[in-house]
């Protein structure tokens, strides 16, 4: 797979920290370059080589976003991500993605080994295309850094395809592979996840 170049952030801007206090950090919104690529690709994004390249670029963005998340927490006076409880982590990750203009996310368990991430008003879905290929990589890189282990991500619903939100499943690769295989046999992802 090809490696994507490092994303250069725009100029620093104030971030709200509560109680009227603002701090400055470089934002990292969904890059305009990806929006342009997504709009121009249309259905061609389904080619395996291009799909892999978009996901890999997203993965590297996700790792960088995780570092920015830690910086953002530090500016706010919060703990480092690894020291946050699961509930506080999920809430702050949601705030972080809103502040950076990606959209609203909600993280909840789907089953013992599978997390579900719902993204409303999601940036990549607004950019065009039928799937959020870059975002699957972003979430894999971001949450993999948090877990200190590889995290596989599969989009199972996309607002660009008419769903009310984008929905991603996050789990170990072998777990999502079994869910995917079950879906190919006509089993819903919720039913497949319940068997995990």
C-alpha atoms as a PDB file:
ATOM      1  CA  UNK A   1       0.000   0.000   0.000  1.00  0.00           C
ATOM      2  CA  UNK A   2       1.194   3.519  -0.655  1.00  0.00           C
ATOM      3  CA  UNK A   3       1.896   5.871   2.226  1.00  0.00           C
ATOM      4  CA  UNK A   4       0.047   9.151   2.422  1.00  0.00           C
ATOM      5  CA  UNK A   5       1.960  12.352   3.032  1.00  0.00           C
ATOM      6  CA  UNK A   6       1.701  13.966   6.421  1.00  0.00           C
ATOM      7  CA  UNK A   7      -1.231  16.343   6.737  1.00  0.00           C
ATOM      8  CA  UNK A   8      -0.163  19.925   7.416  1.00  0.00           C
ATOM      9  CA  UNK A   9      -2.629  21.595   9.808  1.00  0.00           C
ATOM     10  CA  UNK A  10      -4.113  25.023   9.209  1.00  0.00           C
ATOM     11  CA  UNK A  11      -3.148  27.962  11.398  1.00  0.00           C
ATOM     12  CA  UNK A  12      -3.841  27.652  15.096  1.00  0.00           C
ATOM     13  CA  UNK A  13      -7.252  28.685  16.355  1.00  0.00           C
ATOM     14  CA  UNK A  14      -8.796  29.083  19.822  1.00  0.00           C
ATOM     15  CA  UNK A  15     -10.496  26.033  21.310  1.00  0.00           C
ATOM     16  CA  UNK A  16     -13.172  26.407  23.986  1.00  0.00           C
ATOM     17  CA  UNK A  17     -12.110  24.888  27.302  1.00  0.00           C
ATOM     18  CA  UNK A  18     -15.111  25.791  29.454  1.00  0.00           C
ATOM     19  CA  UNK A  19     -15.765  28.742  31.783  1.00  0.00           C
ATOM     20  CA  UNK A  20     -14.975  31.123  28.911  1.00  0.00           C
ATOM     21  CA  UNK A  21     -11.324  30.002  28.782  1.00  0.00           C
ATOM     22  CA  UNK A  22      -9.811  29.341  25.389  1.00  0.00           C
ATOM     23  CA  UNK A  23      -6.575  27.635  24.393  1.00  0.00           C
ATOM     24  CA  UNK A  24      -4.800  27.526  21.065  1.00  0.00           C
ATOM     25  CA  UNK A  25      -4.090  24.305  19.200  1.00  0.00           C
ATOM     26  CA  UNK A  26      -3.683  23.486  15.536  1.00  0.00           C
ATOM     27  CA  UNK A  27      -6.961  22.057  14.209  1.00  0.00           C
ATOM     28  CA  UNK A  28      -7.128  18.973  12.036  1.00  0.00           C
ATOM     29  CA  UNK A  29     -10.389  18.932  10.170  1.00  0.00           C
ATOM     30  CA  UNK A  30     -11.236  16.500   7.389  1.00  0.00           C
ATOM     31  CA  UNK A  31      -8.778  17.712   4.759  1.00  0.00           C
ATOM     32  CA  UNK A  32     -10.157  19.539   1.763  1.00  0.00           C
ATOM     33  CA  UNK A  33      -7.990  17.316  -0.423  1.00  0.00           C
ATOM     34  CA  UNK A  34      -9.893  14.225   0.714  1.00  0.00           C
ATOM     35  CA  UNK A  35     -13.208  15.985   0.151  1.00  0.00           C
ATOM     36  CA  UNK A  36     -12.169  16.760  -3.417  1.00  0.00           C
ATOM     37  CA  UNK A  37     -10.940  13.200  -3.990  1.00  0.00           C
ATOM     38  CA  UNK A  38     -14.171  11.716  -2.572  1.00  0.00           C
ATOM     39  CA  UNK A  39     -16.351  13.944  -4.786  1.00  0.00           C
ATOM     40  CA  UNK A  40     -14.345  13.110  -7.910  1.00  0.00           C
ATOM     41  CA  UNK A  41     -14.180   9.359  -7.282  1.00  0.00           C
ATOM     42  CA  UNK A  42     -17.859   8.570  -7.161  1.00  0.00           C
ATOM     43  CA  UNK A  43     -18.315   4.821  -7.602  1.00  0.00           C
ATOM     44  CA  UNK A  44     -14.654   4.323  -8.593  1.00  0.00           C
ATOM     45  CA  UNK A  45     -13.757   4.340  -4.886  1.00  0.00           C
ATOM     46  CA  UNK A  46     -14.778   0.669  -4.778  1.00  0.00           C
ATOM     47  CA  UNK A  47     -11.558  -0.522  -6.460  1.00  0.00           C
ATOM     48  CA  UNK A  48      -9.555  -2.583  -3.934  1.00  0.00           C
ATOM     49  CA  UNK A  49      -6.306  -0.650  -4.490  1.00  0.00           C
ATOM     50  CA  UNK A  50      -7.965   2.725  -4.031  1.00  0.00           C
ATOM     51  CA  UNK A  51     -10.007   1.534  -1.063  1.00  0.00           C
ATOM     52  CA  UNK A  52      -6.829   0.324   0.646  1.00  0.00           C
ATOM     53  CA  UNK A  53      -4.995   3.566  -0.089  1.00  0.00           C
ATOM     54  CA  UNK A  54      -7.824   5.705   1.312  1.00  0.00           C
ATOM     55  CA  UNK A  55      -8.024   3.574   4.451  1.00  0.00           C
ATOM     56  CA  UNK A  56      -4.264   3.670   4.947  1.00  0.00           C
ATOM     57  CA  UNK A  57      -4.222   7.460   4.569  1.00  0.00           C
ATOM     58  CA  UNK A  58      -7.033   7.604   7.117  1.00  0.00           C
ATOM     59  CA  UNK A  59      -5.111   5.320   9.478  1.00  0.00           C
ATOM     60  CA  UNK A  60      -2.173   7.728   9.545  1.00  0.00           C
ATOM     61  CA  UNK A  61      -4.547  10.650  10.056  1.00  0.00           C
ATOM     62  CA  UNK A  62      -6.136   8.747  12.954  1.00  0.00           C
ATOM     63  CA  UNK A  63      -2.800   8.233  14.662  1.00  0.00           C
ATOM     64  CA  UNK A  64      -2.072  11.951  14.287  1.00  0.00           C
ATOM     65  CA  UNK A  65      -5.546  12.846  15.540  1.00  0.00           C
ATOM     66  CA  UNK A  66      -4.949  10.711  18.632  1.00  0.00           C
ATOM     67  CA  UNK A  67      -1.823  12.741  19.391  1.00  0.00           C
ATOM     68  CA  UNK A  68      -3.852  15.932  18.882  1.00  0.00           C
ATOM     69  CA  UNK A  69      -6.536  14.520  21.184  1.00  0.00           C
ATOM     70  CA  UNK A  70      -3.923  14.111  23.926  1.00  0.00           C
ATOM     71  CA  UNK A  71      -2.721  17.682  23.335  1.00  0.00           C
ATOM     72  CA  UNK A  72      -6.313  18.942  23.446  1.00  0.00           C
ATOM     73  CA  UNK A  73      -6.918  17.132  26.735  1.00  0.00           C
ATOM     74  CA  UNK A  74      -3.741  18.643  28.157  1.00  0.00           C
ATOM     75  CA  UNK A  75      -4.821  22.157  27.158  1.00  0.00           C
ATOM     76  CA  UNK A  76      -8.124  21.555  28.942  1.00  0.00           C
ATOM     77  CA  UNK A  77      -6.359  20.272  32.053  1.00  0.00           C
ATOM     78  CA  UNK A  78      -7.753  16.748  31.640  1.00  0.00           C
ATOM     79  CA  UNK A  79      -5.926  13.452  32.144  1.00  0.00           C
ATOM     80  CA  UNK A  80      -4.069  11.699  29.366  1.00  0.00           C
ATOM     81  CA  UNK A  81      -6.399   9.429  27.347  1.00  0.00           C
ATOM     82  CA  UNK A  82      -5.099   6.217  28.918  1.00  0.00           C
ATOM     83  CA  UNK A  83      -6.062   7.436  32.409  1.00  0.00           C
ATOM     84  CA  UNK A  84      -9.683   8.273  31.565  1.00  0.00           C
ATOM     85  CA  UNK A  85     -12.574   5.990  32.442  1.00  0.00           C
ATOM     86  CA  UNK A  86     -14.366   4.478  29.432  1.00  0.00           C
ATOM     87  CA  UNK A  87     -17.393   6.777  29.863  1.00  0.00           C
ATOM     88  CA  UNK A  88     -15.318   9.946  30.227  1.00  0.00           C
ATOM     89  CA  UNK A  89     -13.088   8.900  27.316  1.00  0.00           C
ATOM     90  CA  UNK A  90     -16.123   8.360  25.050  1.00  0.00           C
ATOM     91  CA  UNK A  91     -17.616  11.731  26.030  1.00  0.00           C
ATOM     92  CA  UNK A  92     -14.376  13.636  25.481  1.00  0.00           C
ATOM     93  CA  UNK A  93     -13.673  11.900  22.156  1.00  0.00           C
ATOM     94  CA  UNK A  94     -17.135  13.000  21.054  1.00  0.00           C
ATOM     95  CA  UNK A  95     -16.422  16.600  22.068  1.00  0.00           C
ATOM     96  CA  UNK A  96     -13.039  16.503  20.327  1.00  0.00           C
ATOM     97  CA  UNK A  97     -14.449  15.392  16.972  1.00  0.00           C
ATOM     98  CA  UNK A  98     -17.141  18.098  17.160  1.00  0.00           C
ATOM     99  CA  UNK A  99     -14.594  20.815  18.008  1.00  0.00           C
ATOM    100  CA  UNK A 100     -12.455  19.783  15.047  1.00  0.00           C
ATOM    101  CA  UNK A 101     -15.447  19.815  12.684  1.00  0.00           C
ATOM    102  CA  UNK A 102     -15.653  16.087  11.906  1.00  0.00           C
ATOM    103  CA  UNK A 103     -19.161  15.568  13.302  1.00  0.00           C
ATOM    104  CA  UNK A 104     -20.925  14.125  16.330  1.00  0.00           C
ATOM    105  CA  UNK A 105     -20.044  10.618  17.476  1.00  0.00           C
ATOM    106  CA  UNK A 106     -21.523   8.302  20.054  1.00  0.00           C
ATOM    107  CA  UNK A 107     -19.662   5.192  21.183  1.00  0.00           C
ATOM    108  CA  UNK A 108     -21.451   2.253  22.784  1.00  0.00           C
ATOM    109  CA  UNK A 109     -20.954  -1.497  23.117  1.00  0.00           C
ATOM    110  CA  UNK A 110     -22.726  -3.707  20.573  1.00  0.00           C
ATOM    111  CA  UNK A 111     -21.542  -6.941  22.170  1.00  0.00           C
ATOM    112  CA  UNK A 112     -18.804  -8.181  24.473  1.00  0.00           C
ATOM    113  CA  UNK A 113     -16.033  -7.713  21.908  1.00  0.00           C
ATOM    114  CA  UNK A 114     -17.517  -5.158  19.494  1.00  0.00           C
ATOM    115  CA  UNK A 115     -17.943  -1.432  19.952  1.00  0.00           C
ATOM    116  CA  UNK A 116     -20.381   0.574  17.846  1.00  0.00           C
ATOM    117  CA  UNK A 117     -19.636   4.135  16.808  1.00  0.00           C
ATOM    118  CA  UNK A 118     -22.485   6.233  15.396  1.00  0.00           C
ATOM    119  CA  UNK A 119     -21.469   9.406  13.563  1.00  0.00           C
ATOM    120  CA  UNK A 120     -24.098  12.050  12.837  1.00  0.00           C
ATOM    121  CA  UNK A 121     -23.492  14.863  10.372  1.00  0.00           C
ATOM    122  CA  UNK A 122     -20.247  13.097   9.508  1.00  0.00           C
ATOM    123  CA  UNK A 123     -17.686  15.015   7.463  1.00  0.00           C
ATOM    124  CA  UNK A 124     -16.764  12.273   4.995  1.00  0.00           C
ATOM    125  CA  UNK A 125     -20.383  11.394   4.270  1.00  0.00           C
ATOM    126  CA  UNK A 126     -20.967  15.079   3.494  1.00  0.00           C
ATOM    127  CA  UNK A 127     -17.956  15.024   1.121  1.00  0.00           C
ATOM    128  CA  UNK A 128     -19.616  12.567  -1.267  1.00  0.00           C
ATOM    129  CA  UNK A 129     -19.320   8.911  -2.091  1.00  0.00           C
ATOM    130  CA  UNK A 130     -21.366   6.049  -0.711  1.00  0.00           C
ATOM    131  CA  UNK A 131     -19.030   4.949   2.084  1.00  0.00           C
ATOM    132  CA  UNK A 132     -16.629   6.533   4.574  1.00  0.00           C
ATOM    133  CA  UNK A 133     -13.452   4.758   3.506  1.00  0.00           C
ATOM    134  CA  UNK A 134     -11.053   7.313   4.995  1.00  0.00           C
ATOM    135  CA  UNK A 135     -12.964   7.308   8.290  1.00  0.00           C
ATOM    136  CA  UNK A 136     -12.602   3.538   8.733  1.00  0.00           C
ATOM    137  CA  UNK A 137      -8.850   4.123   8.649  1.00  0.00           C
ATOM    138  CA  UNK A 138      -9.086   7.181  10.918  1.00  0.00           C
ATOM    139  CA  UNK A 139     -10.964   5.237  13.586  1.00  0.00           C
ATOM    140  CA  UNK A 140      -8.612   2.258  13.264  1.00  0.00           C
ATOM    141  CA  UNK A 141      -5.568   4.482  13.788  1.00  0.00           C
ATOM    142  CA  UNK A 142      -7.150   6.582  16.555  1.00  0.00           C
ATOM    143  CA  UNK A 143      -8.657   3.795  18.649  1.00  0.00           C
ATOM    144  CA  UNK A 144      -5.758   1.441  17.938  1.00  0.00           C
ATOM    145  CA  UNK A 145      -3.437   3.972  19.568  1.00  0.00           C
ATOM    146  CA  UNK A 146      -5.749   4.144  22.576  1.00  0.00           C
ATOM    147  CA  UNK A 147      -6.055   0.359  22.859  1.00  0.00           C
ATOM    148  CA  UNK A 148      -2.347  -0.164  22.132  1.00  0.00           C
ATOM    149  CA  UNK A 149      -3.506  -2.976  19.853  1.00  0.00           C
ATOM    150  CA  UNK A 150      -4.739  -3.274  16.270  1.00  0.00           C
ATOM    151  CA  UNK A 151      -8.394  -2.303  15.896  1.00  0.00           C
ATOM    152  CA  UNK A 152     -10.359  -3.230  12.788  1.00  0.00           C
ATOM    153  CA  UNK A 153     -13.198  -0.962  11.675  1.00  0.00           C
ATOM    154  CA  UNK A 154     -16.110  -1.746   9.381  1.00  0.00           C
ATOM    155  CA  UNK A 155     -18.771   0.722   8.277  1.00  0.00           C
ATOM    156  CA  UNK A 156     -22.187  -0.958   8.276  1.00  0.00           C
ATOM    157  CA  UNK A 157     -24.421   2.081   7.643  1.00  0.00           C
ATOM    158  CA  UNK A 158     -23.660   5.380   5.908  1.00  0.00           C
ATOM    159  CA  UNK A 159     -25.709   8.568   5.877  1.00  0.00           C
ATOM    160  CA  UNK A 160     -24.466   9.155   2.310  1.00  0.00           C
ATOM    161  CA  UNK A 161     -26.409   6.002   1.365  1.00  0.00           C
ATOM    162  CA  UNK A 162     -29.624   7.123   3.050  1.00  0.00           C
ATOM    163  CA  UNK A 163     -29.137   5.927   6.639  1.00  0.00           C
ATOM    164  CA  UNK A 164     -29.806   8.365   9.506  1.00  0.00           C
ATOM    165  CA  UNK A 165     -26.118   8.243  10.497  1.00  0.00           C
ATOM    166  CA  UNK A 166     -22.870   6.506   9.702  1.00  0.00           C
ATOM    167  CA  UNK A 167     -22.340   3.429  11.879  1.00  0.00           C
ATOM    168  CA  UNK A 168     -18.981   1.784  12.375  1.00  0.00           C
ATOM    169  CA  UNK A 169     -18.112  -1.422  14.209  1.00  0.00           C
ATOM    170  CA  UNK A 170     -14.758  -1.589  16.021  1.00  0.00           C
ATOM    171  CA  UNK A 171     -13.196  -4.856  17.185  1.00  0.00           C
ATOM    172  CA  UNK A 172     -10.297  -7.234  16.739  1.00  0.00           C
ATOM    173  CA  UNK A 173      -9.795  -8.130  13.075  1.00  0.00           C
ATOM    174  CA  UNK A 174     -10.767 -11.800  13.488  1.00  0.00           C
ATOM    175  CA  UNK A 175     -14.013 -10.751  15.204  1.00  0.00           C
ATOM    176  CA  UNK A 176     -15.031  -8.338  12.454  1.00  0.00           C
ATOM    177  CA  UNK A 177     -14.056 -10.872   9.803  1.00  0.00           C
ATOM    178  CA  UNK A 178     -16.581 -13.321  11.302  1.00  0.00           C
ATOM    179  CA  UNK A 179     -19.242 -10.587  11.434  1.00  0.00           C
ATOM    180  CA  UNK A 180     -18.517  -9.655   7.810  1.00  0.00           C
ATOM    181  CA  UNK A 181     -18.680 -13.296   6.692  1.00  0.00           C
ATOM    182  CA  UNK A 182     -22.020 -13.709   8.474  1.00  0.00           C
ATOM    183  CA  UNK A 183     -23.350 -10.564   6.785  1.00  0.00           C
ATOM    184  CA  UNK A 184     -22.386 -12.033   3.397  1.00  0.00           C
ATOM    185  CA  UNK A 185     -24.639 -14.986   4.285  1.00  0.00           C
ATOM    186  CA  UNK A 186     -27.566 -12.621   4.978  1.00  0.00           C
ATOM    187  CA  UNK A 187     -27.199 -12.315   8.770  1.00  0.00           C
ATOM    188  CA  UNK A 188     -27.539  -8.759  10.134  1.00  0.00           C
ATOM    189  CA  UNK A 189     -24.493  -7.256  11.831  1.00  0.00           C
ATOM    190  CA  UNK A 190     -26.436  -7.061  15.118  1.00  0.00           C
ATOM    191  CA  UNK A 191     -27.272 -10.780  14.958  1.00  0.00           C
ATOM    192  CA  UNK A 192     -23.681 -11.649  14.036  1.00  0.00           C
ATOM    193  CA  UNK A 193     -22.304  -9.475  16.837  1.00  0.00           C
ATOM    194  CA  UNK A 194     -24.591 -11.159  19.366  1.00  0.00           C
ATOM    195  CA  UNK A 195     -22.865 -14.454  18.550  1.00  0.00           C
ATOM    196  CA  UNK A 196     -19.437 -13.007  19.389  1.00  0.00           C
END
